[in-house]
């Protein structure tokens, strides 16, 4: 069995990142479902033992999941017999494609379930962007990241350097 060099080579790091990715995403999806159906409950603490607002919990879960997805994808390059140069850049682009589309889909559902919030601020952390602006930005960011990712792959394939 091959082990990864660096921190991902430790037996407990990869499983920890996988748990963070999955459970962070599930925590965010729970908060997204609550936001789409009961937006007035977002400022309510997630539980009495965890006195954190639901929306704060969702934002933290999303960030943890996204960072774990990036770390796992960047670390996968070490599994290859022949190292490739694309590692972190492609991992970042793939993470932006997926996670920006998740936010966009959430905001689309939100705009259908309570359209009055489209002009409101996206989070309680900052007054900008609005939900509508964030939806457009996430859709565009995902499209640009996918274009860059596919362009990089096409250039490598044409040069015969894709590993």
Protein backbone atom coordinates (compact mmCIF):
# COMPACT_ATOMS: atom_id res chain seq x y z
CA UNK A 1 0.00 0.00 0.00
CA UNK A 2 1.41 3.37 -1.04
CA UNK A 3 1.27 6.26 1.34
CA UNK A 4 1.17 9.87 0.34
CA UNK A 5 4.19 12.03 1.11
CA UNK A 6 3.65 14.99 3.40
CA UNK A 7 0.66 15.56 5.69
CA UNK A 8 -1.72 13.48 3.53
CA UNK A 9 0.64 10.52 4.08
CA UNK A 10 -0.34 10.30 7.72
CA UNK A 11 -2.97 7.59 8.08
CA UNK A 12 -5.47 9.82 9.89
CA UNK A 13 -5.34 12.95 7.68
CA UNK A 14 -7.05 11.66 4.54
CA UNK A 15 -10.03 10.14 6.43
CA UNK A 16 -10.32 13.36 8.43
CA UNK A 17 -10.46 15.41 5.21
CA UNK A 18 -13.05 13.04 3.74
CA UNK A 19 -15.24 13.39 6.84
CA UNK A 20 -14.83 17.18 6.74
CA UNK A 21 -15.79 17.29 3.06
CA UNK A 22 -18.90 15.13 3.43
CA UNK A 23 -20.19 16.34 6.77
CA UNK A 24 -19.38 19.96 6.01
CA UNK A 25 -21.39 19.67 2.82
CA UNK A 26 -24.27 17.93 4.61
CA UNK A 27 -24.29 20.61 7.34
CA UNK A 28 -24.44 23.31 4.67
CA UNK A 29 -27.22 21.48 2.78
CA UNK A 30 -29.25 21.31 6.00
CA UNK A 31 -28.89 25.05 6.52
CA UNK A 32 -29.66 25.69 2.83
CA UNK A 33 -32.88 23.66 3.16
CA UNK A 34 -33.88 25.63 6.26
CA UNK A 35 -33.09 28.91 4.47
CA UNK A 36 -35.21 27.91 1.48
CA UNK A 37 -38.20 26.89 3.59
CA UNK A 38 -37.98 29.00 6.76
CA UNK A 39 -35.67 31.99 6.23
CA UNK A 40 -36.82 33.55 9.50
CA UNK A 41 -35.11 30.72 11.41
CA UNK A 42 -31.59 31.51 10.16
CA UNK A 43 -30.61 33.71 13.11
CA UNK A 44 -31.74 31.04 15.60
CA UNK A 45 -28.90 29.06 17.22
CA UNK A 46 -28.31 25.65 15.67
CA UNK A 47 -28.73 23.91 19.07
CA UNK A 48 -28.67 24.83 22.73
CA UNK A 49 -25.27 23.14 23.16
CA UNK A 50 -23.92 25.01 20.12
CA UNK A 51 -24.91 28.67 20.52
CA UNK A 52 -24.07 29.53 16.92
CA UNK A 53 -26.53 31.00 14.43
CA UNK A 54 -27.76 28.57 11.77
CA UNK A 55 -26.45 30.75 8.96
CA UNK A 56 -23.03 31.01 10.63
CA UNK A 57 -22.97 27.22 11.05
CA UNK A 58 -23.85 26.81 7.36
CA UNK A 59 -21.12 29.21 6.24
CA UNK A 60 -18.53 27.44 8.40
CA UNK A 61 -19.61 24.01 7.12
CA UNK A 62 -19.38 25.23 3.51
CA UNK A 63 -15.89 26.63 4.05
CA UNK A 64 -14.67 23.45 5.79
CA UNK A 65 -16.08 21.25 3.02
CA UNK A 66 -14.60 23.39 0.24
CA UNK A 67 -11.16 23.48 1.84
CA UNK A 68 -11.24 19.73 2.40
CA UNK A 69 -12.26 19.15 -1.25
CA UNK A 70 -9.35 21.28 -2.42
CA UNK A 71 -6.85 19.55 -0.09
CA UNK A 72 -7.99 16.08 -1.16
CA UNK A 73 -7.80 16.92 -4.87
CA UNK A 74 -4.40 18.58 -4.56
CA UNK A 75 -3.12 15.62 -2.54
CA UNK A 76 -4.32 13.10 -5.14
CA UNK A 77 -1.48 14.12 -7.42
CA UNK A 78 0.91 12.28 -5.09
CA UNK A 79 -0.82 8.98 -5.94
CA UNK A 80 0.29 9.17 -9.56
CA UNK A 81 3.38 7.26 -10.60
CA UNK A 82 4.44 10.19 -12.74
CA UNK A 83 3.95 13.56 -11.03
CA UNK A 84 2.03 16.19 -12.98
CA UNK A 85 2.42 19.93 -12.70
CA UNK A 86 -1.26 20.81 -12.61
CA UNK A 87 -1.90 19.83 -8.96
CA UNK A 88 -3.01 22.81 -6.92
CA UNK A 89 -4.22 25.01 -9.77
CA UNK A 90 -6.48 22.33 -11.23
CA UNK A 91 -7.66 21.36 -7.75
CA UNK A 92 -8.60 24.99 -7.05
CA UNK A 93 -10.39 25.29 -10.41
CA UNK A 94 -12.35 22.06 -9.84
CA UNK A 95 -13.32 23.24 -6.36
CA UNK A 96 -14.54 26.59 -7.71
CA UNK A 97 -16.56 24.86 -10.46
CA UNK A 98 -18.37 22.57 -8.02
CA UNK A 99 -18.84 24.79 -5.01
CA UNK A 100 -19.82 27.91 -6.99
CA UNK A 101 -22.50 25.86 -8.75
CA UNK A 102 -23.76 24.64 -5.36
CA UNK A 103 -24.15 28.22 -4.16
CA UNK A 104 -25.81 29.20 -7.43
CA UNK A 105 -28.30 26.29 -7.18
CA UNK A 106 -29.08 27.19 -3.57
CA UNK A 107 -29.69 30.83 -4.50
CA UNK A 108 -31.92 29.75 -7.42
CA UNK A 109 -34.07 27.69 -5.06
CA UNK A 110 -34.07 30.58 -2.60
CA UNK A 111 -35.31 32.98 -5.28
CA UNK A 112 -38.20 30.63 -6.03
CA UNK A 113 -39.22 29.96 -2.44
CA UNK A 114 -38.97 33.57 -1.22
CA UNK A 115 -38.18 35.97 -4.06
CA UNK A 116 -38.21 38.98 -1.75
CA UNK A 117 -34.76 38.12 -0.45
CA UNK A 118 -33.01 38.40 -3.84
CA UNK A 119 -32.18 42.05 -3.20
CA UNK A 120 -31.05 41.44 0.39
CA UNK A 121 -27.48 40.90 1.55
CA UNK A 122 -26.20 37.36 1.09
CA UNK A 123 -24.89 36.89 4.64
CA UNK A 124 -24.95 38.60 7.98
CA UNK A 125 -21.16 38.91 7.75
CA UNK A 126 -21.19 41.70 5.14
CA UNK A 127 -23.67 44.04 3.45
CA UNK A 128 -22.50 43.10 -0.04
CA UNK A 129 -23.13 41.18 -2.21
CA UNK A 130 -26.88 40.71 -2.47
CA UNK A 131 -28.27 37.23 -3.07
CA UNK A 132 -28.96 38.09 -6.72
CA UNK A 133 -25.48 39.47 -7.32
CA UNK A 134 -23.93 36.43 -5.61
CA UNK A 135 -25.98 34.07 -7.80
CA UNK A 136 -24.76 35.79 -10.97
CA UNK A 137 -21.18 35.90 -9.66
CA UNK A 138 -21.17 32.21 -8.70
CA UNK A 139 -22.60 31.17 -12.06
CA UNK A 140 -19.96 33.23 -13.88
CA UNK A 141 -17.12 32.05 -11.60
CA UNK A 142 -18.07 28.43 -12.19
CA UNK A 143 -18.22 28.94 -15.96
CA UNK A 144 -14.85 30.72 -16.06
CA UNK A 145 -13.21 28.10 -13.81
CA UNK A 146 -14.57 25.28 -15.98
CA UNK A 147 -13.33 27.01 -19.13
CA UNK A 148 -9.86 27.49 -17.62
CA UNK A 149 -9.76 23.90 -16.39
CA UNK A 150 -10.77 22.48 -19.78
CA UNK A 151 -8.39 24.84 -21.63
CA UNK A 152 -5.48 23.76 -19.46
CA UNK A 153 -6.32 20.11 -20.14
CA UNK A 154 -6.60 20.70 -23.89
CA UNK A 155 -3.22 22.48 -23.96
CA UNK A 156 -1.58 19.64 -22.02
CA UNK A 157 -3.16 17.03 -24.31
CA UNK A 158 -1.96 18.90 -27.41
CA UNK A 159 1.54 19.12 -25.96
CA UNK A 160 1.48 15.47 -24.92
CA UNK A 161 2.26 16.31 -21.29
CA UNK A 162 -0.97 15.18 -19.59
CA UNK A 163 -0.20 12.69 -16.85
